Amino acid sequence: MRSRRNHLKRMTVPEIILTPLIDTFCVLLVIFIVAAPMVQNGIRVDLPFGKSKEVGASQELVVTLNKDNKLFFNTYPIARGALVAHVRKMLAEHHEDIPVYVRADEKVSYGKVIEIVDELKQAGVRFVAMSTRPV
């Protein structure tokens, strides 16, 4: 019995092995890196064809108008009247020369797209880029 007590006293505290946790973290990180660009294109819009290329590699501010005339700002639905205030807030957070990209379905009338561009100009946007898909 005495040897058993001594044996229990000599037992060490088990260690936490971090290798599986780090492996899991790395796998999740890769999944998020791959999935992040897909989230940006989550709104179904048939863009018109165009030969010009967009200058900016990253599109931080995107206004989308789908074929049902629903308005989105960076993939989030937004009311038409709230667009100007929201864009002004975003421009204050970023520098003012950042372009705003307009993605409009090809079935949307030209007048509706121009109304959105006019609202963006009223919000203080200096550069409005029209998104197209390659020919």
N, C-alpha and C. Protein backbone atom coordinates (compact mmCIF):
# COMPACT_ATOMS: atom_id res chain seq x y z
N MET A 1 0.82 -1.18 0.00
CA MET A 1 0.00 0.00 0.00
C MET A 1 0.87 1.25 0.00
N ARG A 2 1.97 1.14 0.70
CA ARG A 2 2.88 2.26 0.76
C ARG A 2 3.48 2.58 -0.61
N SER A 3 3.85 1.58 -1.34
CA SER A 3 4.43 1.80 -2.67
C SER A 3 3.39 2.40 -3.62
N ARG A 4 2.16 2.06 -3.40
CA ARG A 4 1.10 2.61 -4.24
C ARG A 4 0.95 4.11 -4.01
N ARG A 5 1.03 4.56 -2.77
CA ARG A 5 0.95 6.00 -2.46
C ARG A 5 2.12 6.75 -3.07
N ASN A 6 3.29 6.21 -2.96
CA ASN A 6 4.46 6.84 -3.55
C ASN A 6 4.32 6.92 -5.07
N HIS A 7 3.75 5.89 -5.63
CA HIS A 7 3.55 5.88 -7.09
C HIS A 7 2.56 6.97 -7.50
N LEU A 8 1.51 7.17 -6.74
CA LEU A 8 0.53 8.21 -7.05
C LEU A 8 1.12 9.60 -6.92
N LYS A 9 2.02 9.78 -5.96
CA LYS A 9 2.65 11.08 -5.77
C LYS A 9 3.59 11.42 -6.92
N ARG A 10 4.19 10.39 -7.51
CA ARG A 10 5.15 10.63 -8.58
C ARG A 10 4.50 10.83 -9.94
N MET A 11 3.22 10.66 -10.06
CA MET A 11 2.55 10.83 -11.35
C MET A 11 2.60 12.29 -11.78
N THR A 12 2.82 12.52 -13.03
CA THR A 12 2.89 13.88 -13.56
C THR A 12 1.54 14.32 -14.08
N VAL A 13 1.39 15.60 -14.17
CA VAL A 13 0.15 16.17 -14.70
C VAL A 13 0.18 16.03 -16.23
N PRO A 14 -0.89 15.55 -16.82
CA PRO A 14 -0.88 15.38 -18.28
C PRO A 14 -0.78 16.74 -18.99
N GLU A 15 -0.09 16.74 -20.11
CA GLU A 15 0.09 17.97 -20.89
C GLU A 15 -0.96 18.05 -22.00
N ILE A 16 -1.28 19.25 -22.38
CA ILE A 16 -2.20 19.47 -23.49
C ILE A 16 -1.38 19.53 -24.77
N ILE A 17 -1.73 18.68 -25.71
CA ILE A 17 -1.00 18.65 -26.98
C ILE A 17 -1.67 19.65 -27.92
N LEU A 18 -0.91 20.62 -28.38
CA LEU A 18 -1.46 21.70 -29.21
C LEU A 18 -1.42 21.42 -30.70
N THR A 19 -0.71 20.42 -31.12
CA THR A 19 -0.56 20.15 -32.55
C THR A 19 -1.91 19.94 -33.26
N PRO A 20 -2.82 19.12 -32.73
CA PRO A 20 -4.12 18.97 -33.42
C PRO A 20 -4.92 20.28 -33.47
N LEU A 21 -4.81 21.10 -32.42
CA LEU A 21 -5.52 22.38 -32.42
C LEU A 21 -4.97 23.32 -33.49
N ILE A 22 -3.66 23.34 -33.62
CA ILE A 22 -3.03 24.20 -34.64
C ILE A 22 -3.40 23.71 -36.03
N ASP A 23 -3.41 22.38 -36.23
CA ASP A 23 -3.80 21.83 -37.53
C ASP A 23 -5.24 22.22 -37.88
N THR A 24 -6.14 22.12 -36.91
CA THR A 24 -7.53 22.50 -37.14
C THR A 24 -7.65 23.98 -37.47
N PHE A 25 -6.92 24.81 -36.75
CA PHE A 25 -6.94 26.25 -37.02
C PHE A 25 -6.46 26.55 -38.44
N CYS A 26 -5.40 25.90 -38.87
CA CYS A 26 -4.87 26.14 -40.22
C CYS A 26 -5.87 25.71 -41.29
N VAL A 27 -6.54 24.58 -41.09
CA VAL A 27 -7.54 24.12 -42.05
C VAL A 27 -8.69 25.12 -42.13
N LEU A 28 -9.17 25.60 -40.99
CA LEU A 28 -10.25 26.58 -41.00
C LEU A 28 -9.82 27.89 -41.66
N LEU A 29 -8.60 28.29 -41.44
CA LEU A 29 -8.08 29.51 -42.07
C LEU A 29 -8.06 29.37 -43.59
N VAL A 30 -7.64 28.24 -44.09
CA VAL A 30 -7.62 28.01 -45.54
C VAL A 30 -9.04 28.02 -46.09
N ILE A 31 -9.97 27.42 -45.38
CA ILE A 31 -11.38 27.40 -45.84
C ILE A 31 -11.91 28.82 -45.93
N PHE A 32 -11.64 29.66 -44.93
CA PHE A 32 -12.13 31.04 -44.97
C PHE A 32 -11.46 31.85 -46.07
N ILE A 33 -10.19 31.62 -46.31
CA ILE A 33 -9.50 32.34 -47.38
C ILE A 33 -10.09 31.98 -48.74
N VAL A 34 -10.43 30.72 -48.94
CA VAL A 34 -11.02 30.30 -50.21
C VAL A 34 -12.46 30.78 -50.34
N ALA A 35 -13.20 30.78 -49.25
CA ALA A 35 -14.63 31.12 -49.30
C ALA A 35 -14.89 32.62 -49.33
N ALA A 36 -13.97 33.44 -48.85
CA ALA A 36 -14.21 34.89 -48.75
C ALA A 36 -14.51 35.54 -50.10
N PRO A 37 -13.79 35.26 -51.17
CA PRO A 37 -14.15 35.90 -52.45
C PRO A 37 -15.51 35.47 -52.97
N MET A 38 -15.94 34.27 -52.63
CA MET A 38 -17.25 33.81 -53.09
C MET A 38 -18.39 34.55 -52.42
N VAL A 39 -18.19 34.99 -51.20
CA VAL A 39 -19.23 35.71 -50.48
C VAL A 39 -19.51 37.05 -51.16
N GLN A 40 -18.48 37.69 -51.68
CA GLN A 40 -18.65 38.97 -52.36
C GLN A 40 -19.58 38.82 -53.57
N ASN A 41 -19.51 37.70 -54.25
CA ASN A 41 -20.32 37.48 -55.44
C ASN A 41 -21.57 36.68 -55.13
N GLY A 42 -22.07 36.77 -53.92
CA GLY A 42 -23.24 36.01 -53.52
C GLY A 42 -24.54 36.49 -54.13
N ILE A 43 -24.60 37.71 -54.62
CA ILE A 43 -25.81 38.25 -55.22
C ILE A 43 -25.78 37.93 -56.71
N ARG A 44 -26.82 37.30 -57.19
CA ARG A 44 -26.88 36.88 -58.59
C ARG A 44 -27.21 38.08 -59.47
N VAL A 45 -26.23 38.46 -60.31
CA VAL A 45 -26.40 39.58 -61.23
C VAL A 45 -25.78 39.19 -62.56
N ASP A 46 -26.54 39.31 -63.63
CA ASP A 46 -26.00 39.09 -64.98
C ASP A 46 -25.48 40.42 -65.48
N LEU A 47 -24.17 40.61 -65.37
CA LEU A 47 -23.56 41.86 -65.81
C LEU A 47 -23.53 41.93 -67.32
N PRO A 48 -23.62 43.13 -67.88
CA PRO A 48 -23.47 43.26 -69.33
C PRO A 48 -22.03 43.00 -69.73
N PHE A 49 -21.83 42.65 -70.99
CA PHE A 49 -20.48 42.41 -71.49
C PHE A 49 -19.76 43.72 -71.75
N GLY A 50 -18.45 43.73 -71.57
CA GLY A 50 -17.65 44.91 -71.85
C GLY A 50 -16.19 44.53 -72.04
N LYS A 51 -15.49 45.30 -72.85
CA LYS A 51 -14.08 45.02 -73.11
C LYS A 51 -13.15 45.74 -72.15
N SER A 52 -13.63 46.79 -71.49
CA SER A 52 -12.75 47.54 -70.59
C SER A 52 -12.55 46.77 -69.30
N LYS A 53 -11.39 46.99 -68.68
CA LYS A 53 -11.06 46.32 -67.42
C LYS A 53 -11.12 47.32 -66.29
N GLU A 54 -11.53 46.83 -65.11
CA GLU A 54 -11.58 47.69 -63.94
C GLU A 54 -10.17 47.89 -63.41
N VAL A 55 -9.87 49.10 -63.00
CA VAL A 55 -8.52 49.44 -62.57
C VAL A 55 -8.20 48.83 -61.22
N GLY A 56 -9.10 48.95 -60.27
CA GLY A 56 -8.83 48.50 -58.90
C GLY A 56 -8.85 46.99 -58.78
N ALA A 57 -7.87 46.46 -58.08
CA ALA A 57 -7.82 45.02 -57.86
C ALA A 57 -8.82 44.61 -56.78
N SER A 58 -8.96 45.43 -55.74
CA SER A 58 -9.91 45.13 -54.69
C SER A 58 -11.09 46.09 -54.78
N GLN A 59 -12.26 45.51 -54.68
CA GLN A 59 -13.47 46.32 -54.73
C GLN A 59 -14.04 46.39 -53.33
N GLU A 60 -13.74 47.49 -52.65
CA GLU A 60 -14.18 47.62 -51.26
C GLU A 60 -15.62 48.12 -51.15
N LEU A 61 -16.00 49.05 -52.02
CA LEU A 61 -17.34 49.62 -51.97
C LEU A 61 -18.07 49.24 -53.25
N VAL A 62 -19.10 48.40 -53.12
CA VAL A 62 -19.82 47.90 -54.28
C VAL A 62 -21.31 48.10 -54.06
N VAL A 63 -21.95 48.75 -55.03
CA VAL A 63 -23.41 48.92 -55.02
C VAL A 63 -23.94 47.99 -56.10
N THR A 64 -24.88 47.13 -55.73
CA THR A 64 -25.43 46.15 -56.66
C THR A 64 -26.92 46.38 -56.82
N LEU A 65 -27.37 46.35 -58.07
CA LEU A 65 -28.79 46.47 -58.39
C LEU A 65 -29.16 45.23 -59.19
N ASN A 66 -29.98 44.34 -58.58
CA ASN A 66 -30.30 43.10 -59.28
C ASN A 66 -31.50 43.30 -60.21
N LYS A 67 -31.88 42.23 -60.90
CA LYS A 67 -32.95 42.37 -61.91
C LYS A 67 -34.31 42.68 -61.30
N ASP A 68 -34.48 42.45 -59.99
CA ASP A 68 -35.73 42.78 -59.31
C ASP A 68 -35.71 44.20 -58.74
N ASN A 69 -34.70 45.00 -59.14
CA ASN A 69 -34.50 46.38 -58.68
C ASN A 69 -34.28 46.45 -57.16
N LYS A 70 -33.71 45.39 -56.58
CA LYS A 70 -33.33 45.41 -55.17
C LYS A 70 -31.91 45.93 -55.08
N LEU A 71 -31.67 46.80 -54.12
CA LEU A 71 -30.39 47.48 -53.97
C LEU A 71 -29.59 46.85 -52.84
N PHE A 72 -28.30 46.63 -53.08
CA PHE A 72 -27.40 46.05 -52.10
C PHE A 72 -26.15 46.92 -52.01
N PHE A 73 -25.61 47.04 -50.80
CA PHE A 73 -24.34 47.73 -50.61
C PHE A 73 -23.39 46.74 -49.93
N ASN A 74 -22.35 46.34 -50.66
CA ASN A 74 -21.41 45.32 -50.18
C ASN A 74 -22.15 44.06 -49.71
N THR A 75 -23.01 43.54 -50.54
CA THR A 75 -23.80 42.31 -50.34
C THR A 75 -24.89 42.41 -49.28
N TYR A 76 -25.07 43.57 -48.66
CA TYR A 76 -26.13 43.74 -47.67
C TYR A 76 -27.27 44.56 -48.29
N PRO A 77 -28.52 44.10 -48.13
CA PRO A 77 -29.63 44.88 -48.65
C PRO A 77 -29.69 46.25 -47.99
N ILE A 78 -30.03 47.25 -48.77
CA ILE A 78 -30.10 48.61 -48.25
C ILE A 78 -31.30 49.32 -48.89
N ALA A 79 -31.95 50.17 -48.14
CA ALA A 79 -33.07 50.95 -48.66
C ALA A 79 -32.53 52.04 -49.57
N ARG A 80 -33.28 52.38 -50.57
CA ARG A 80 -32.85 53.39 -51.54
C ARG A 80 -32.54 54.72 -50.87
N GLY A 81 -33.34 55.14 -49.91
CA GLY A 81 -33.12 56.41 -49.22
C GLY A 81 -31.92 56.42 -48.29
N ALA A 82 -31.49 55.24 -47.86
CA ALA A 82 -30.36 55.16 -46.92
C ALA A 82 -29.02 55.05 -47.63
N LEU A 83 -29.03 54.92 -48.95
CA LEU A 83 -27.78 54.71 -49.69
C LEU A 83 -26.82 55.89 -49.54
N VAL A 84 -27.31 57.10 -49.72
CA VAL A 84 -26.44 58.29 -49.66
C VAL A 84 -25.78 58.41 -48.30
N ALA A 85 -26.55 58.28 -47.24
CA ALA A 85 -26.00 58.41 -45.88
C ALA A 85 -24.97 57.32 -45.60
N HIS A 86 -25.27 56.11 -46.05
CA HIS A 86 -24.35 55.01 -45.80
C HIS A 86 -23.05 55.17 -46.58
N VAL A 87 -23.14 55.61 -47.81
CA VAL A 87 -21.94 55.82 -48.63
C VAL A 87 -21.10 56.95 -48.05
N ARG A 88 -21.74 58.01 -47.59
CA ARG A 88 -20.99 59.12 -46.95
C ARG A 88 -20.23 58.62 -45.73
N LYS A 89 -20.86 57.78 -44.94
CA LYS A 89 -20.22 57.22 -43.75
C LYS A 89 -19.01 56.37 -44.15
N MET A 90 -19.17 55.56 -45.17
CA MET A 90 -18.07 54.71 -45.62
C MET A 90 -16.92 55.53 -46.21
N LEU A 91 -17.25 56.61 -46.91
CA LEU A 91 -16.21 57.47 -47.47
C LEU A 91 -15.43 58.18 -46.37
N ALA A 92 -16.11 58.51 -45.28
CA ALA A 92 -15.43 59.15 -44.16
C ALA A 92 -14.44 58.18 -43.50
N GLU A 93 -14.78 56.89 -43.48
CA GLU A 93 -13.89 55.89 -42.90
C GLU A 93 -12.70 55.60 -43.80
N HIS A 94 -12.94 55.61 -45.11
CA HIS A 94 -11.86 55.38 -46.08
C HIS A 94 -11.40 56.75 -46.57
N HIS A 95 -10.43 56.75 -47.45
CA HIS A 95 -10.07 58.03 -48.05
C HIS A 95 -11.07 58.35 -49.15
N GLU A 96 -11.22 59.59 -49.46
CA GLU A 96 -12.32 60.02 -50.33
C GLU A 96 -12.14 59.67 -51.80
N ASP A 97 -10.94 59.30 -52.23
CA ASP A 97 -10.73 58.99 -53.65
C ASP A 97 -10.99 57.53 -53.98
N ILE A 98 -11.54 56.79 -53.05
CA ILE A 98 -11.81 55.38 -53.30
C ILE A 98 -12.98 55.25 -54.27
N PRO A 99 -12.85 54.40 -55.30
CA PRO A 99 -13.96 54.27 -56.25
C PRO A 99 -15.09 53.42 -55.68
N VAL A 100 -16.28 53.68 -56.15
CA VAL A 100 -17.44 52.87 -55.82
C VAL A 100 -17.84 52.14 -57.09
N TYR A 101 -17.93 50.83 -57.01
CA TYR A 101 -18.27 50.01 -58.16
C TYR A 101 -19.77 49.77 -58.20
N VAL A 102 -20.36 49.94 -59.36
CA VAL A 102 -21.79 49.71 -59.55
C VAL A 102 -21.94 48.45 -60.38
N ARG A 103 -22.61 47.47 -59.80
CA ARG A 103 -22.92 46.22 -60.50
C ARG A 103 -24.42 46.20 -60.74
N ALA A 104 -24.82 46.30 -61.99
CA ALA A 104 -26.25 46.31 -62.32
C ALA A 104 -26.54 45.20 -63.31
N ASP A 105 -27.62 44.49 -63.07
CA ASP A 105 -28.04 43.44 -63.99
C ASP A 105 -28.33 44.05 -65.35
N GLU A 106 -28.03 43.30 -66.41
CA GLU A 106 -28.24 43.83 -67.75
C GLU A 106 -29.71 44.06 -68.08
N LYS A 107 -30.61 43.47 -67.34
CA LYS A 107 -32.04 43.66 -67.57
C LYS A 107 -32.59 44.94 -66.92
N VAL A 108 -31.81 45.55 -66.02
CA VAL A 108 -32.23 46.77 -65.35
C VAL A 108 -32.16 47.92 -66.36
N SER A 109 -33.15 48.80 -66.32
CA SER A 109 -33.17 49.91 -67.27
C SER A 109 -32.03 50.89 -67.00
N TYR A 110 -31.59 51.50 -68.04
CA TYR A 110 -30.48 52.45 -67.97
C TYR A 110 -30.80 53.60 -67.02
N GLY A 111 -32.04 54.03 -67.00
CA GLY A 111 -32.46 55.13 -66.12
C GLY A 111 -32.26 54.80 -64.65
N LYS A 112 -32.56 53.57 -64.26
CA LYS A 112 -32.37 53.15 -62.86
C LYS A 112 -30.90 53.19 -62.47
N VAL A 113 -30.03 52.77 -63.39
CA VAL A 113 -28.59 52.77 -63.10
C VAL A 113 -28.10 54.21 -62.95
N ILE A 114 -28.56 55.10 -63.82
CA ILE A 114 -28.15 56.50 -63.75
C ILE A 114 -28.64 57.14 -62.46
N GLU A 115 -29.84 56.77 -61.99
CA GLU A 115 -30.33 57.29 -60.71
C GLU A 115 -29.39 56.90 -59.58
N ILE A 116 -28.92 55.65 -59.59
CA ILE A 116 -27.98 55.18 -58.56
C ILE A 116 -26.67 55.97 -58.65
N VAL A 117 -26.16 56.15 -59.87
CA VAL A 117 -24.91 56.90 -60.06
C VAL A 117 -25.07 58.34 -59.58
N ASP A 118 -26.21 58.96 -59.88
CA ASP A 118 -26.47 60.33 -59.41
C ASP A 118 -26.50 60.40 -57.88
N GLU A 119 -27.12 59.42 -57.24
CA GLU A 119 -27.14 59.39 -55.78
C GLU A 119 -25.73 59.24 -55.21
N LEU A 120 -24.92 58.43 -55.86
CA LEU A 120 -23.53 58.26 -55.41
C LEU A 120 -22.75 59.56 -55.55
N LYS A 121 -22.97 60.26 -56.64
CA LYS A 121 -22.30 61.56 -56.84
C LYS A 121 -22.76 62.57 -55.79
N GLN A 122 -24.04 62.55 -55.42
CA GLN A 122 -24.54 63.44 -54.37
C GLN A 122 -23.91 63.09 -53.02
N ALA A 123 -23.55 61.82 -52.83
CA ALA A 123 -22.94 61.39 -51.58
C ALA A 123 -21.47 61.81 -51.50
N GLY A 124 -20.92 62.30 -52.61
CA GLY A 124 -19.53 62.76 -52.59
C GLY A 124 -18.55 61.81 -53.24
N VAL A 125 -19.04 60.80 -53.92
CA VAL A 125 -18.17 59.85 -54.60
C VAL A 125 -17.57 60.53 -55.82
N ARG A 126 -16.24 60.49 -55.92
CA ARG A 126 -15.56 61.13 -57.06
C ARG A 126 -15.44 60.17 -58.24
N PHE A 127 -15.24 58.88 -57.96
CA PHE A 127 -15.04 57.90 -59.03
C PHE A 127 -16.07 56.79 -58.92
N VAL A 128 -16.87 56.65 -59.97
CA VAL A 128 -17.86 55.57 -60.05
C VAL A 128 -17.43 54.67 -61.21
N ALA A 129 -17.26 53.39 -60.92
CA ALA A 129 -16.87 52.43 -61.95
C ALA A 129 -18.02 51.48 -62.21
N MET A 130 -18.28 51.21 -63.46
CA MET A 130 -19.34 50.30 -63.85
C MET A 130 -18.74 48.91 -64.08
N SER A 131 -19.22 47.92 -63.35
CA SER A 131 -18.70 46.57 -63.48
C SER A 131 -19.32 45.87 -64.68
N THR A 132 -18.49 45.15 -65.43
CA THR A 132 -18.95 44.37 -66.57
C THR A 132 -18.28 43.01 -66.51
N ARG A 133 -18.77 42.09 -67.31
CA ARG A 133 -18.09 40.79 -67.41
C ARG A 133 -17.34 40.76 -68.73
N PRO A 134 -16.23 40.04 -68.77
CA PRO A 134 -15.41 40.03 -69.98
C PRO A 134 -16.14 39.39 -71.17
N VAL A 135 -15.80 39.87 -72.35
CA VAL A 135 -16.41 39.37 -73.57
C VAL A 135 -15.90 37.98 -73.85
